[in-house]
Amino acid sequence: MTSQSTLLEQYAALDSAAVSDALDALDLTPGQAGFLPVWGTPKIVGFAVTVQLEPYQPGPSGAHIGATAVADANESNVIVVANDGRTDVSCWGGLLSLGASLNGVRGVVADGACRDVHEACEIGFPVFAKGRIPATARGRLQQRSTGEPVRLGEVTVTPGDLVLADETGVVVVPVAHLQTVLDHAQGVAAREQAIAADLRAGVALHEAMRDARLAGITEEH
């Protein structure tokens, strides 16, 4: 069985489009739009640690949003923050980025907005989000749960699922399909590399780039 570290290395060699194509081929939810890096062009691959947020309700003070997930995460993880796509309030900030970075966390994907972008950039911590806003979460958001399945766009993320995010978008690979999706995605990448080599060698685009070839289907002549 392939080790977790080897799986992460192999997925890191792929992009979100190849993995999305593989998910499609297996009738799994493909890649998600709208999650963009807030600085630079990082790519992150890791196993999900999840946080579910909800609107603030007055009551006893609990853990700061995201703090327990940061404490539980390590160098193999990506933190997924579910905030229903809200962009009117920040659900991730600079101190969370610092704490996660010090724990070796690979990055965060937030279904919402973030703040303190310069702080994440300064420490080189990748943050993918739906937007940026200075408005604090204090008095606006609270943590409902951590370590439970959450919705990220159109897909459910279960702790331990693989999350890959790059400048194109985000893909989520269910833990039960890690090896199968990887095999398909590597096939997609290899076919596209072969087509690119043909184009550079002078093969006409309509000859090199055929739907059957892209799909890995043997064509009959």
N, C-alpha and C. Protein backbone atom coordinates (compact mmCIF):
# COMPACT_ATOMS: atom_id res chain seq x y z
N MET A 1 0.85 -1.20 0.00
CA MET A 1 0.00 0.00 0.00
C MET A 1 0.88 1.24 0.00
N THR A 2 0.52 2.22 -0.81
CA THR A 2 1.29 3.45 -0.91
C THR A 2 1.18 4.24 0.39
N SER A 3 2.33 4.73 0.89
CA SER A 3 2.31 5.48 2.13
C SER A 3 1.67 6.85 1.91
N GLN A 4 1.23 7.47 3.00
CA GLN A 4 0.63 8.79 2.90
C GLN A 4 1.60 9.81 2.33
N SER A 5 2.85 9.76 2.76
CA SER A 5 3.83 10.74 2.27
C SER A 5 4.07 10.56 0.78
N THR A 6 4.12 9.31 0.32
CA THR A 6 4.31 9.07 -1.11
C THR A 6 3.11 9.54 -1.91
N LEU A 7 1.91 9.28 -1.40
CA LEU A 7 0.70 9.76 -2.06
C LEU A 7 0.73 11.28 -2.21
N LEU A 8 1.12 11.98 -1.16
CA LEU A 8 1.17 13.43 -1.22
C LEU A 8 2.19 13.90 -2.25
N GLU A 9 3.33 13.25 -2.30
CA GLU A 9 4.35 13.60 -3.29
C GLU A 9 3.84 13.38 -4.71
N GLN A 10 3.13 12.27 -4.93
CA GLN A 10 2.64 11.97 -6.27
C GLN A 10 1.53 12.93 -6.69
N TYR A 11 0.65 13.26 -5.76
CA TYR A 11 -0.39 14.25 -6.08
C TYR A 11 0.22 15.64 -6.31
N ALA A 12 1.28 15.96 -5.58
CA ALA A 12 1.92 17.27 -5.73
C ALA A 12 2.49 17.47 -7.12
N ALA A 13 2.77 16.38 -7.83
CA ALA A 13 3.29 16.48 -9.20
C ALA A 13 2.19 16.76 -10.22
N LEU A 14 0.94 16.74 -9.77
CA LEU A 14 -0.21 16.95 -10.66
C LEU A 14 -0.80 18.34 -10.43
N ASP A 15 -1.70 18.75 -11.35
CA ASP A 15 -2.42 19.99 -11.13
C ASP A 15 -3.90 19.69 -10.90
N SER A 16 -4.64 20.73 -10.50
CA SER A 16 -6.04 20.52 -10.16
C SER A 16 -6.86 20.06 -11.36
N ALA A 17 -6.48 20.48 -12.57
CA ALA A 17 -7.24 20.08 -13.75
C ALA A 17 -7.13 18.59 -14.01
N ALA A 18 -5.94 18.03 -13.90
CA ALA A 18 -5.77 16.60 -14.13
C ALA A 18 -6.52 15.78 -13.09
N VAL A 19 -6.48 16.22 -11.84
CA VAL A 19 -7.20 15.50 -10.78
C VAL A 19 -8.71 15.64 -10.99
N SER A 20 -9.16 16.82 -11.39
CA SER A 20 -10.58 17.02 -11.67
C SER A 20 -11.06 16.09 -12.79
N ASP A 21 -10.26 15.97 -13.85
CA ASP A 21 -10.62 15.06 -14.95
C ASP A 21 -10.74 13.63 -14.45
N ALA A 22 -9.84 13.23 -13.56
CA ALA A 22 -9.89 11.88 -13.01
C ALA A 22 -11.14 11.68 -12.16
N LEU A 23 -11.49 12.68 -11.35
CA LEU A 23 -12.72 12.60 -10.55
C LEU A 23 -13.93 12.46 -11.45
N ASP A 24 -13.96 13.26 -12.53
CA ASP A 24 -15.06 13.17 -13.50
C ASP A 24 -15.18 11.76 -14.06
N ALA A 25 -14.04 11.16 -14.44
CA ALA A 25 -14.05 9.84 -15.05
C ALA A 25 -14.60 8.78 -14.11
N LEU A 26 -14.50 9.05 -12.82
CA LEU A 26 -14.97 8.09 -11.81
C LEU A 26 -16.32 8.49 -11.21
N ASP A 27 -16.99 9.46 -11.86
CA ASP A 27 -18.30 9.95 -11.39
C ASP A 27 -18.25 10.50 -9.97
N LEU A 28 -17.14 11.14 -9.64
CA LEU A 28 -16.99 11.83 -8.37
C LEU A 28 -17.05 13.34 -8.63
N THR A 29 -17.27 14.12 -7.58
CA THR A 29 -17.40 15.57 -7.75
C THR A 29 -16.10 16.18 -8.25
N PRO A 30 -16.14 16.92 -9.37
CA PRO A 30 -14.91 17.49 -9.92
C PRO A 30 -14.45 18.73 -9.16
N GLY A 31 -13.51 19.45 -9.75
CA GLY A 31 -12.92 20.61 -9.09
C GLY A 31 -13.91 21.75 -8.86
N GLN A 32 -13.57 22.60 -7.88
CA GLN A 32 -14.42 23.70 -7.46
C GLN A 32 -13.81 25.03 -7.87
N ALA A 33 -14.65 25.96 -8.32
CA ALA A 33 -14.21 27.29 -8.71
C ALA A 33 -14.30 28.27 -7.55
N GLY A 34 -13.61 29.39 -7.69
CA GLY A 34 -13.77 30.50 -6.76
C GLY A 34 -12.81 30.52 -5.60
N PHE A 35 -12.05 29.45 -5.39
CA PHE A 35 -11.07 29.42 -4.31
C PHE A 35 -9.72 29.81 -4.90
N LEU A 36 -9.29 31.04 -4.63
CA LEU A 36 -8.08 31.55 -5.25
C LEU A 36 -7.03 31.87 -4.20
N PRO A 37 -5.75 31.73 -4.55
CA PRO A 37 -4.71 32.11 -3.59
C PRO A 37 -4.76 33.61 -3.34
N VAL A 38 -4.62 34.01 -2.09
CA VAL A 38 -4.70 35.43 -1.77
C VAL A 38 -3.36 36.12 -1.95
N TRP A 39 -2.30 35.35 -2.15
CA TRP A 39 -1.01 35.91 -2.52
C TRP A 39 -0.26 34.89 -3.36
N GLY A 40 0.51 35.36 -4.33
CA GLY A 40 1.38 34.49 -5.11
C GLY A 40 0.63 33.42 -5.87
N THR A 41 1.37 32.37 -6.21
CA THR A 41 0.80 31.24 -6.95
C THR A 41 1.19 29.92 -6.29
N PRO A 42 0.84 29.74 -5.03
CA PRO A 42 1.22 28.50 -4.35
C PRO A 42 0.36 27.32 -4.81
N LYS A 43 0.83 26.14 -4.52
CA LYS A 43 0.03 24.92 -4.68
C LYS A 43 0.16 24.14 -3.38
N ILE A 44 -0.96 23.64 -2.87
CA ILE A 44 -0.92 22.87 -1.63
C ILE A 44 -1.63 21.53 -1.84
N VAL A 45 -1.09 20.52 -1.19
CA VAL A 45 -1.69 19.18 -1.20
C VAL A 45 -1.58 18.62 0.21
N GLY A 46 -2.68 18.19 0.76
CA GLY A 46 -2.62 17.62 2.10
C GLY A 46 -3.94 16.97 2.49
N PHE A 47 -3.93 16.32 3.63
CA PHE A 47 -5.12 15.66 4.14
C PHE A 47 -5.92 16.64 5.01
N ALA A 48 -7.24 16.64 4.81
CA ALA A 48 -8.08 17.67 5.38
C ALA A 48 -8.25 17.55 6.90
N VAL A 49 -8.10 18.70 7.55
CA VAL A 49 -8.56 18.92 8.92
C VAL A 49 -9.65 19.97 8.81
N THR A 50 -10.83 19.68 9.32
CA THR A 50 -12.00 20.51 9.00
C THR A 50 -12.46 21.37 10.17
N VAL A 51 -13.02 22.53 9.79
CA VAL A 51 -13.62 23.47 10.74
C VAL A 51 -14.95 23.94 10.16
N GLN A 52 -16.02 23.88 10.95
CA GLN A 52 -17.31 24.41 10.53
C GLN A 52 -17.63 25.64 11.36
N LEU A 53 -17.92 26.76 10.69
CA LEU A 53 -18.29 27.99 11.37
C LEU A 53 -19.78 28.25 11.24
N GLU A 54 -20.28 29.15 12.06
CA GLU A 54 -21.68 29.54 12.00
C GLU A 54 -21.80 30.97 12.54
N PRO A 55 -22.93 31.63 12.30
CA PRO A 55 -23.11 32.98 12.83
C PRO A 55 -23.00 33.01 14.36
N TYR A 56 -22.44 34.08 14.87
CA TYR A 56 -22.24 34.24 16.31
C TYR A 56 -23.57 34.30 17.06
N GLN A 57 -23.60 33.61 18.18
CA GLN A 57 -24.73 33.67 19.10
C GLN A 57 -24.19 34.04 20.49
N PRO A 58 -24.73 35.07 21.14
CA PRO A 58 -24.24 35.44 22.47
C PRO A 58 -24.31 34.25 23.43
N GLY A 59 -23.25 34.10 24.21
CA GLY A 59 -23.21 33.00 25.17
C GLY A 59 -21.81 32.86 25.73
N PRO A 60 -21.54 31.77 26.45
CA PRO A 60 -20.21 31.55 27.00
C PRO A 60 -19.15 31.55 25.90
N SER A 61 -18.01 32.13 26.20
CA SER A 61 -16.93 32.22 25.23
C SER A 61 -16.32 30.85 24.99
N GLY A 62 -16.14 30.49 23.72
CA GLY A 62 -15.51 29.22 23.38
C GLY A 62 -14.15 29.43 22.74
N ALA A 63 -13.64 28.39 22.14
CA ALA A 63 -12.33 28.49 21.48
C ALA A 63 -12.43 29.45 20.30
N HIS A 64 -11.35 30.17 20.05
CA HIS A 64 -11.30 31.04 18.88
C HIS A 64 -11.46 30.19 17.63
N ILE A 65 -12.17 30.71 16.65
CA ILE A 65 -12.42 29.92 15.44
C ILE A 65 -11.10 29.45 14.83
N GLY A 66 -11.05 28.18 14.50
CA GLY A 66 -9.87 27.61 13.85
C GLY A 66 -8.76 27.18 14.78
N ALA A 67 -8.79 27.63 16.03
CA ALA A 67 -7.66 27.38 16.93
C ALA A 67 -7.48 25.90 17.24
N THR A 68 -8.58 25.17 17.46
CA THR A 68 -8.45 23.75 17.77
C THR A 68 -7.98 22.96 16.55
N ALA A 69 -8.42 23.36 15.37
CA ALA A 69 -7.96 22.68 14.16
C ALA A 69 -6.48 22.89 13.95
N VAL A 70 -6.01 24.12 14.18
CA VAL A 70 -4.59 24.41 14.05
C VAL A 70 -3.78 23.55 15.02
N ALA A 71 -4.28 23.43 16.24
CA ALA A 71 -3.57 22.64 17.25
C ALA A 71 -3.51 21.16 16.88
N ASP A 72 -4.54 20.67 16.19
CA ASP A 72 -4.60 19.25 15.84
C ASP A 72 -3.85 18.93 14.55
N ALA A 73 -3.55 19.92 13.74
CA ALA A 73 -3.00 19.69 12.41
C ALA A 73 -1.47 19.56 12.45
N ASN A 74 -0.94 18.95 11.39
CA ASN A 74 0.51 18.77 11.29
C ASN A 74 0.97 18.96 9.84
N GLU A 75 2.20 18.53 9.58
CA GLU A 75 2.83 18.79 8.28
C GLU A 75 2.21 18.02 7.12
N SER A 76 1.28 17.13 7.36
CA SER A 76 0.61 16.43 6.27
C SER A 76 -0.77 17.01 5.97
N ASN A 77 -1.15 18.07 6.68
CA ASN A 77 -2.54 18.55 6.63
C ASN A 77 -2.74 19.86 5.89
N VAL A 78 -3.94 20.00 5.35
CA VAL A 78 -4.50 21.26 4.88
C VAL A 78 -5.75 21.52 5.72
N ILE A 79 -5.89 22.73 6.24
CA ILE A 79 -7.07 23.07 7.03
C ILE A 79 -8.16 23.57 6.10
N VAL A 80 -9.36 23.03 6.25
CA VAL A 80 -10.52 23.43 5.45
C VAL A 80 -11.51 24.13 6.38
N VAL A 81 -11.79 25.39 6.07
CA VAL A 81 -12.71 26.19 6.88
C VAL A 81 -14.01 26.38 6.10
N ALA A 82 -15.10 25.87 6.63
CA ALA A 82 -16.40 25.98 5.98
C ALA A 82 -17.17 27.15 6.59
N ASN A 83 -17.43 28.17 5.75
CA ASN A 83 -18.18 29.34 6.23
C ASN A 83 -19.24 29.75 5.22
N ASP A 84 -19.76 28.75 4.49
CA ASP A 84 -20.90 28.96 3.59
C ASP A 84 -20.64 30.02 2.53
N GLY A 85 -19.38 30.24 2.17
CA GLY A 85 -19.07 31.18 1.12
C GLY A 85 -19.21 32.64 1.50
N ARG A 86 -19.37 32.96 2.77
CA ARG A 86 -19.56 34.35 3.19
C ARG A 86 -18.32 35.19 2.93
N THR A 87 -18.51 36.35 2.35
CA THR A 87 -17.39 37.26 2.10
C THR A 87 -17.57 38.60 2.81
N ASP A 88 -18.53 38.68 3.75
CA ASP A 88 -18.77 39.92 4.49
C ASP A 88 -18.04 39.94 5.81
N VAL A 89 -17.27 38.90 6.11
CA VAL A 89 -16.55 38.80 7.38
C VAL A 89 -15.37 37.85 7.17
N SER A 90 -14.26 38.13 7.85
CA SER A 90 -13.09 37.25 7.73
C SER A 90 -13.28 36.00 8.59
N CYS A 91 -12.90 34.87 8.02
CA CYS A 91 -12.93 33.61 8.79
C CYS A 91 -11.53 33.03 8.98
N TRP A 92 -10.51 33.80 8.57
CA TRP A 92 -9.11 33.35 8.75
C TRP A 92 -8.23 34.59 8.77
N GLY A 93 -7.28 34.62 9.73
CA GLY A 93 -6.42 35.79 9.86
C GLY A 93 -4.97 35.46 10.12
N GLY A 94 -4.22 36.50 10.42
CA GLY A 94 -2.77 36.39 10.50
C GLY A 94 -2.26 35.50 11.62
N LEU A 95 -2.86 35.57 12.81
CA LEU A 95 -2.38 34.74 13.91
C LEU A 95 -2.67 33.26 13.64
N LEU A 96 -3.80 32.98 13.01
CA LEU A 96 -4.08 31.59 12.62
C LEU A 96 -3.05 31.12 11.59
N SER A 97 -2.72 31.97 10.63
CA SER A 97 -1.70 31.60 9.65
C SER A 97 -0.37 31.31 10.33
N LEU A 98 0.00 32.16 11.28
CA LEU A 98 1.27 31.95 11.98
C LEU A 98 1.25 30.65 12.77
N GLY A 99 0.18 30.42 13.53
CA GLY A 99 0.10 29.18 14.32
C GLY A 99 0.13 27.95 13.45
N ALA A 100 -0.59 27.98 12.33
CA ALA A 100 -0.60 26.83 11.42
C ALA A 100 0.77 26.63 10.80
N SER A 101 1.41 27.72 10.41
CA SER A 101 2.74 27.61 9.81
C SER A 101 3.74 27.00 10.79
N LEU A 102 3.68 27.40 12.04
CA LEU A 102 4.60 26.87 13.05
C LEU A 102 4.36 25.39 13.30
N ASN A 103 3.14 24.91 13.05
CA ASN A 103 2.83 23.48 13.17
C ASN A 103 3.18 22.70 11.91
N GLY A 104 3.64 23.40 10.88
CA GLY A 104 4.01 22.73 9.64
C GLY A 104 2.86 22.51 8.68
N VAL A 105 1.68 23.05 8.99
CA VAL A 105 0.50 22.87 8.14
C VAL A 105 0.81 23.39 6.73
N ARG A 106 0.28 22.70 5.72
CA ARG A 106 0.60 23.01 4.33
C ARG A 106 -0.16 24.21 3.77
N GLY A 107 -1.27 24.58 4.39
CA GLY A 107 -2.05 25.71 3.92
C GLY A 107 -3.48 25.59 4.38
N VAL A 108 -4.30 26.55 3.96
CA VAL A 108 -5.70 26.57 4.33
C VAL A 108 -6.54 26.87 3.10
N VAL A 109 -7.72 26.25 3.05
CA VAL A 109 -8.74 26.57 2.04
C VAL A 109 -9.97 27.00 2.81
N ALA A 110 -10.40 28.25 2.57
CA ALA A 110 -11.52 28.81 3.32
C ALA A 110 -12.68 29.11 2.39
N ASP A 111 -13.85 28.55 2.71
CA ASP A 111 -15.06 28.86 1.96
C ASP A 111 -15.65 30.14 2.57
N GLY A 112 -14.93 31.22 2.33
CA GLY A 112 -15.26 32.50 2.90
C GLY A 112 -14.10 33.45 2.62
N ALA A 113 -14.06 34.57 3.34
CA ALA A 113 -13.03 35.59 3.14
C ALA A 113 -11.99 35.51 4.25
N CYS A 114 -10.82 36.09 3.95
CA CYS A 114 -9.74 36.12 4.94
C CYS A 114 -9.22 37.55 5.07
N ARG A 115 -8.38 37.75 6.07
CA ARG A 115 -7.72 39.05 6.23
C ARG A 115 -6.26 38.82 6.56
N ASP A 116 -5.52 39.92 6.82
CA ASP A 116 -4.09 39.83 7.14
C ASP A 116 -3.31 39.11 6.05
N VAL A 117 -3.62 39.45 4.81
CA VAL A 117 -2.97 38.79 3.67
C VAL A 117 -1.46 39.00 3.73
N HIS A 118 -1.03 40.21 4.09
CA HIS A 118 0.41 40.50 4.12
C HIS A 118 1.14 39.61 5.12
N GLU A 119 0.48 39.27 6.23
CA GLU A 119 1.12 38.42 7.22
C GLU A 119 1.31 37.00 6.70
N ALA A 120 0.29 36.47 6.02
CA ALA A 120 0.43 35.14 5.41
C ALA A 120 1.53 35.16 4.36
N CYS A 121 1.59 36.23 3.57
CA CYS A 121 2.61 36.34 2.54
C CYS A 121 4.01 36.40 3.14
N GLU A 122 4.17 37.18 4.19
CA GLU A 122 5.48 37.34 4.81
C GLU A 122 6.06 36.03 5.33
N ILE A 123 5.20 35.15 5.83
CA ILE A 123 5.70 33.88 6.37
C ILE A 123 5.58 32.75 5.34
N GLY A 124 5.07 33.07 4.14
CA GLY A 124 4.98 32.08 3.08
C GLY A 124 3.93 31.02 3.34
N PHE A 125 2.83 31.41 4.02
CA PHE A 125 1.79 30.44 4.32
C PHE A 125 0.67 30.55 3.29
N PRO A 126 0.39 29.48 2.53
CA PRO A 126 -0.62 29.55 1.48
C PRO A 126 -2.04 29.62 2.04
N VAL A 127 -2.79 30.61 1.55
CA VAL A 127 -4.20 30.77 1.92
C VAL A 127 -5.02 30.87 0.64
N PHE A 128 -6.00 29.99 0.51
CA PHE A 128 -6.95 30.03 -0.59
C PHE A 128 -8.30 30.41 0.00
N ALA A 129 -8.97 31.39 -0.62
CA ALA A 129 -10.23 31.88 -0.06
C ALA A 129 -11.12 32.42 -1.16
N LYS A 130 -12.35 32.76 -0.78
CA LYS A 130 -13.32 33.33 -1.71
C LYS A 130 -13.19 34.85 -1.81
N GLY A 131 -12.40 35.45 -0.94
CA GLY A 131 -12.23 36.90 -0.98
C GLY A 131 -11.38 37.38 0.18
N ARG A 132 -11.22 38.70 0.25
CA ARG A 132 -10.45 39.34 1.32
C ARG A 132 -11.32 40.43 1.94
N ILE A 133 -11.22 40.60 3.24
CA ILE A 133 -11.96 41.65 3.92
C ILE A 133 -11.31 41.90 5.28
N PRO A 134 -11.21 43.15 5.72
CA PRO A 134 -10.61 43.42 7.03
C PRO A 134 -11.53 43.09 8.21
N ALA A 135 -12.82 42.96 7.99
CA ALA A 135 -13.78 42.83 9.10
C ALA A 135 -13.51 41.58 9.94
N THR A 136 -13.43 41.78 11.25
CA THR A 136 -13.11 40.68 12.16
C THR A 136 -14.28 39.71 12.33
N ALA A 137 -13.91 38.47 12.71
CA ALA A 137 -14.93 37.46 13.03
C ALA A 137 -15.52 37.65 14.41
N ARG A 138 -14.83 38.42 15.26
CA ARG A 138 -15.32 38.60 16.64
C ARG A 138 -16.71 39.23 16.64
N GLY A 139 -17.62 38.56 17.31
CA GLY A 139 -18.99 39.03 17.38
C GLY A 139 -19.80 38.76 16.12
N ARG A 140 -19.19 38.07 15.14
CA ARG A 140 -19.89 37.77 13.90
C ARG A 140 -19.94 36.27 13.58
N LEU A 141 -18.89 35.56 13.99
CA LEU A 141 -18.80 34.12 13.70
C LEU A 141 -18.40 33.37 14.97
N GLN A 142 -18.76 32.10 15.00
CA GLN A 142 -18.28 31.21 16.04
C GLN A 142 -18.05 29.83 15.43
N GLN A 143 -17.27 29.03 16.13
CA GLN A 143 -16.98 27.68 15.64
C GLN A 143 -18.06 26.72 16.09
N ARG A 144 -18.64 26.01 15.12
CA ARG A 144 -19.65 25.01 15.45
C ARG A 144 -19.00 23.67 15.75
N SER A 145 -17.99 23.29 14.94
CA SER A 145 -17.36 21.98 15.12
C SER A 145 -16.00 21.96 14.46
N THR A 146 -15.23 20.99 14.82
CA THR A 146 -13.98 20.68 14.12
C THR A 146 -13.86 19.17 14.06
N GLY A 147 -13.25 18.67 12.97
CA GLY A 147 -13.10 17.23 12.82
C GLY A 147 -14.35 16.53 12.34
N GLU A 148 -15.31 17.28 11.77
CA GLU A 148 -16.54 16.70 11.24
C GLU A 148 -16.62 16.98 9.73
N PRO A 149 -17.41 16.20 8.98
CA PRO A 149 -17.59 16.50 7.56
C PRO A 149 -18.17 17.90 7.36
N VAL A 150 -17.68 18.62 6.34
CA VAL A 150 -18.15 19.97 6.04
C VAL A 150 -18.38 20.10 4.55
N ARG A 151 -19.11 21.14 4.16
CA ARG A 151 -19.31 21.46 2.75
C ARG A 151 -18.30 22.52 2.32
N LEU A 152 -17.63 22.25 1.22
CA LEU A 152 -16.70 23.19 0.61
C LEU A 152 -17.20 23.42 -0.81
N GLY A 153 -17.90 24.51 -1.05
CA GLY A 153 -18.53 24.69 -2.35
C GLY A 153 -19.57 23.60 -2.57
N GLU A 154 -19.36 22.81 -3.62
CA GLU A 154 -20.33 21.78 -3.98
C GLU A 154 -19.94 20.38 -3.49
N VAL A 155 -18.89 20.28 -2.71
CA VAL A 155 -18.40 18.96 -2.31
C VAL A 155 -18.35 18.85 -0.79
N THR A 156 -18.61 17.65 -0.29
CA THR A 156 -18.45 17.38 1.14
C THR A 156 -17.02 16.93 1.40
N VAL A 157 -16.39 17.55 2.37
CA VAL A 157 -15.03 17.19 2.77
C VAL A 157 -15.09 16.49 4.11
N THR A 158 -14.58 15.27 4.13
CA THR A 158 -14.48 14.49 5.36
C THR A 158 -13.04 14.53 5.85
N PRO A 159 -12.80 14.66 7.15
CA PRO A 159 -11.42 14.65 7.64
C PRO A 159 -10.65 13.47 7.07
N GLY A 160 -9.46 13.75 6.55
CA GLY A 160 -8.64 12.71 5.93
C GLY A 160 -8.73 12.68 4.43
N ASP A 161 -9.76 13.32 3.84
CA ASP A 161 -9.80 13.45 2.38
C ASP A 161 -8.60 14.26 1.92
N LEU A 162 -8.19 14.02 0.68
CA LEU A 162 -7.06 14.78 0.13
C LEU A 162 -7.57 16.05 -0.53
N VAL A 163 -6.93 17.15 -0.21
CA VAL A 163 -7.27 18.45 -0.80
C VAL A 163 -6.07 18.96 -1.58
N LEU A 164 -6.31 19.31 -2.85
CA LEU A 164 -5.27 19.92 -3.68
C LEU A 164 -5.81 21.26 -4.17
N ALA A 165 -5.04 22.32 -3.95
CA ALA A 165 -5.44 23.65 -4.39
C ALA A 165 -4.28 24.29 -5.14
N ASP A 166 -4.60 24.89 -6.28
CA ASP A 166 -3.61 25.66 -7.03
C ASP A 166 -4.31 26.88 -7.61
N GLU A 167 -3.63 27.62 -8.48
CA GLU A 167 -4.21 28.87 -8.96
C GLU A 167 -5.41 28.68 -9.87
N THR A 168 -5.70 27.43 -10.29
CA THR A 168 -6.88 27.16 -11.09
C THR A 168 -8.11 26.90 -10.22
N GLY A 169 -7.94 26.23 -9.09
CA GLY A 169 -9.07 25.91 -8.23
C GLY A 169 -8.71 24.85 -7.21
N VAL A 170 -9.74 24.21 -6.67
CA VAL A 170 -9.57 23.23 -5.59
C VAL A 170 -10.24 21.92 -5.97
N VAL A 171 -9.57 20.81 -5.68
CA VAL A 171 -10.18 19.49 -5.84
C VAL A 171 -10.09 18.75 -4.52
N VAL A 172 -11.10 17.91 -4.28
CA VAL A 172 -11.15 17.10 -3.06
C VAL A 172 -11.29 15.64 -3.47
N VAL A 173 -10.37 14.81 -3.01
CA VAL A 173 -10.37 13.39 -3.34
C VAL A 173 -10.78 12.60 -2.10
N PRO A 174 -11.92 11.90 -2.14
CA PRO A 174 -12.33 11.11 -0.98
C PRO A 174 -11.26 10.08 -0.61
N VAL A 175 -11.08 9.89 0.67
CA VAL A 175 -10.02 9.01 1.14
C VAL A 175 -10.16 7.59 0.59
N ALA A 176 -11.37 7.14 0.32
CA ALA A 176 -11.59 5.79 -0.19
C ALA A 176 -11.16 5.64 -1.65
N HIS A 177 -10.90 6.75 -2.34
CA HIS A 177 -10.57 6.70 -3.77
C HIS A 177 -9.20 7.28 -4.08
N LEU A 178 -8.36 7.44 -3.08
CA LEU A 178 -7.08 8.12 -3.28
C LEU A 178 -6.23 7.48 -4.37
N GLN A 179 -6.05 6.17 -4.31
CA GLN A 179 -5.17 5.51 -5.27
C GLN A 179 -5.79 5.47 -6.67
N THR A 180 -7.08 5.19 -6.74
CA THR A 180 -7.74 5.11 -8.05
C THR A 180 -7.72 6.45 -8.77
N VAL A 181 -8.04 7.52 -8.04
CA VAL A 181 -8.01 8.85 -8.65
C VAL A 181 -6.59 9.21 -9.06
N LEU A 182 -5.62 8.88 -8.24
CA LEU A 182 -4.22 9.17 -8.58
C LEU A 182 -3.83 8.48 -9.88
N ASP A 183 -4.17 7.20 -10.01
CA ASP A 183 -3.82 6.46 -11.23
C ASP A 183 -4.44 7.12 -12.46
N HIS A 184 -5.72 7.48 -12.37
CA HIS A 184 -6.39 8.14 -13.50
C HIS A 184 -5.77 9.50 -13.81
N ALA A 185 -5.47 10.26 -12.77
CA ALA A 185 -4.91 11.60 -12.99
C ALA A 185 -3.52 11.53 -13.60
N GLN A 186 -2.74 10.56 -13.19
CA GLN A 186 -1.41 10.40 -13.80
C GLN A 186 -1.54 10.04 -15.28
N GLY A 187 -2.56 9.25 -15.62
CA GLY A 187 -2.82 8.93 -17.01
C GLY A 187 -3.21 10.16 -17.81
N VAL A 188 -4.05 11.00 -17.23
CA VAL A 188 -4.45 12.25 -17.88
C VAL A 188 -3.23 13.12 -18.14
N ALA A 189 -2.39 13.28 -17.13
CA ALA A 189 -1.21 14.13 -17.27
C ALA A 189 -0.27 13.59 -18.33
N ALA A 190 -0.08 12.27 -18.36
CA ALA A 190 0.82 11.67 -19.35
C ALA A 190 0.30 11.89 -20.76
N ARG A 191 -1.01 11.74 -20.96
CA ARG A 191 -1.58 11.95 -22.30
C ARG A 191 -1.43 13.40 -22.74
N GLU A 192 -1.66 14.34 -21.82
CA GLU A 192 -1.53 15.74 -22.19
C GLU A 192 -0.07 16.11 -22.49
N GLN A 193 0.85 15.52 -21.75
CA GLN A 193 2.27 15.77 -22.03
C GLN A 193 2.66 15.23 -23.40
N ALA A 194 2.10 14.08 -23.77
CA ALA A 194 2.39 13.50 -25.08
C ALA A 194 1.82 14.38 -26.20
N ILE A 195 0.62 14.91 -25.99
CA ILE A 195 0.02 15.81 -26.98
C ILE A 195 0.85 17.08 -27.11
N ALA A 196 1.28 17.63 -25.99
CA ALA A 196 2.11 18.84 -26.02
C ALA A 196 3.41 18.59 -26.78
N ALA A 197 4.01 17.40 -26.58
CA ALA A 197 5.24 17.06 -27.30
C ALA A 197 4.99 16.97 -28.80
N ASP A 198 3.86 16.40 -29.19
CA ASP A 198 3.52 16.33 -30.62
C ASP A 198 3.35 17.73 -31.21
N LEU A 199 2.67 18.61 -30.49
CA LEU A 199 2.47 19.97 -30.98
C LEU A 199 3.80 20.69 -31.18
N ARG A 200 4.70 20.51 -30.23
CA ARG A 200 6.01 21.16 -30.35
C ARG A 200 6.83 20.56 -31.49
N ALA A 201 6.50 19.31 -31.85
CA ALA A 201 7.19 18.65 -32.95
C ALA A 201 6.57 18.99 -34.30
N GLY A 202 5.50 19.78 -34.30
CA GLY A 202 4.92 20.23 -35.55
C GLY A 202 3.63 19.54 -35.96
N VAL A 203 3.09 18.63 -35.13
CA VAL A 203 1.83 17.97 -35.46
C VAL A 203 0.71 18.99 -35.35
N ALA A 204 -0.21 18.97 -36.32
CA ALA A 204 -1.32 19.91 -36.32
C ALA A 204 -2.21 19.70 -35.09
N LEU A 205 -2.73 20.81 -34.54
CA LEU A 205 -3.53 20.75 -33.32
C LEU A 205 -4.71 19.79 -33.46
N HIS A 206 -5.42 19.84 -34.58
CA HIS A 206 -6.60 18.99 -34.74
C HIS A 206 -6.24 17.52 -34.84
N GLU A 207 -5.00 17.22 -35.21
CA GLU A 207 -4.54 15.83 -35.26
C GLU A 207 -4.05 15.36 -33.89
N ALA A 208 -3.35 16.23 -33.19
CA ALA A 208 -2.76 15.84 -31.91
C ALA A 208 -3.77 15.82 -30.78
N MET A 209 -4.71 16.78 -30.83
CA MET A 209 -5.63 16.96 -29.71
C MET A 209 -7.01 16.43 -30.07
N ARG A 210 -7.18 15.13 -29.93
CA ARG A 210 -8.46 14.48 -30.21
C ARG A 210 -9.11 14.06 -28.90
N ASP A 211 -10.44 14.15 -28.86
CA ASP A 211 -11.16 13.85 -27.62
C ASP A 211 -10.86 12.44 -27.13
N ALA A 212 -10.83 11.49 -28.05
CA ALA A 212 -10.59 10.11 -27.65
C ALA A 212 -9.21 9.96 -27.03
N ARG A 213 -8.24 10.64 -27.61
CA ARG A 213 -6.88 10.55 -27.07
C ARG A 213 -6.81 11.17 -25.68
N LEU A 214 -7.45 12.32 -25.52
CA LEU A 214 -7.45 12.97 -24.21
C LEU A 214 -8.13 12.09 -23.17
N ALA A 215 -9.15 11.36 -23.59
CA ALA A 215 -9.89 10.50 -22.64
C ALA A 215 -9.22 9.16 -22.42
N GLY A 216 -8.16 8.87 -23.19
CA GLY A 216 -7.47 7.60 -23.03
C GLY A 216 -8.18 6.44 -23.71
N ILE A 217 -9.01 6.77 -24.74
CA ILE A 217 -9.75 5.74 -25.45
C ILE A 217 -8.98 5.32 -26.70
N THR A 218 -8.83 4.03 -26.89
CA THR A 218 -8.15 3.53 -28.09
C THR A 218 -9.04 3.74 -29.29
N GLU A 219 -8.52 4.46 -30.29
CA GLU A 219 -9.30 4.76 -31.48
C GLU A 219 -9.17 3.66 -32.51
N GLU A 220 -10.29 3.37 -33.17
CA GLU A 220 -10.28 2.38 -34.24
C GLU A 220 -10.06 3.09 -35.57
N HIS A 221 -9.28 2.48 -36.41
CA HIS A 221 -8.99 3.05 -37.73
C HIS A 221 -9.50 2.11 -38.81
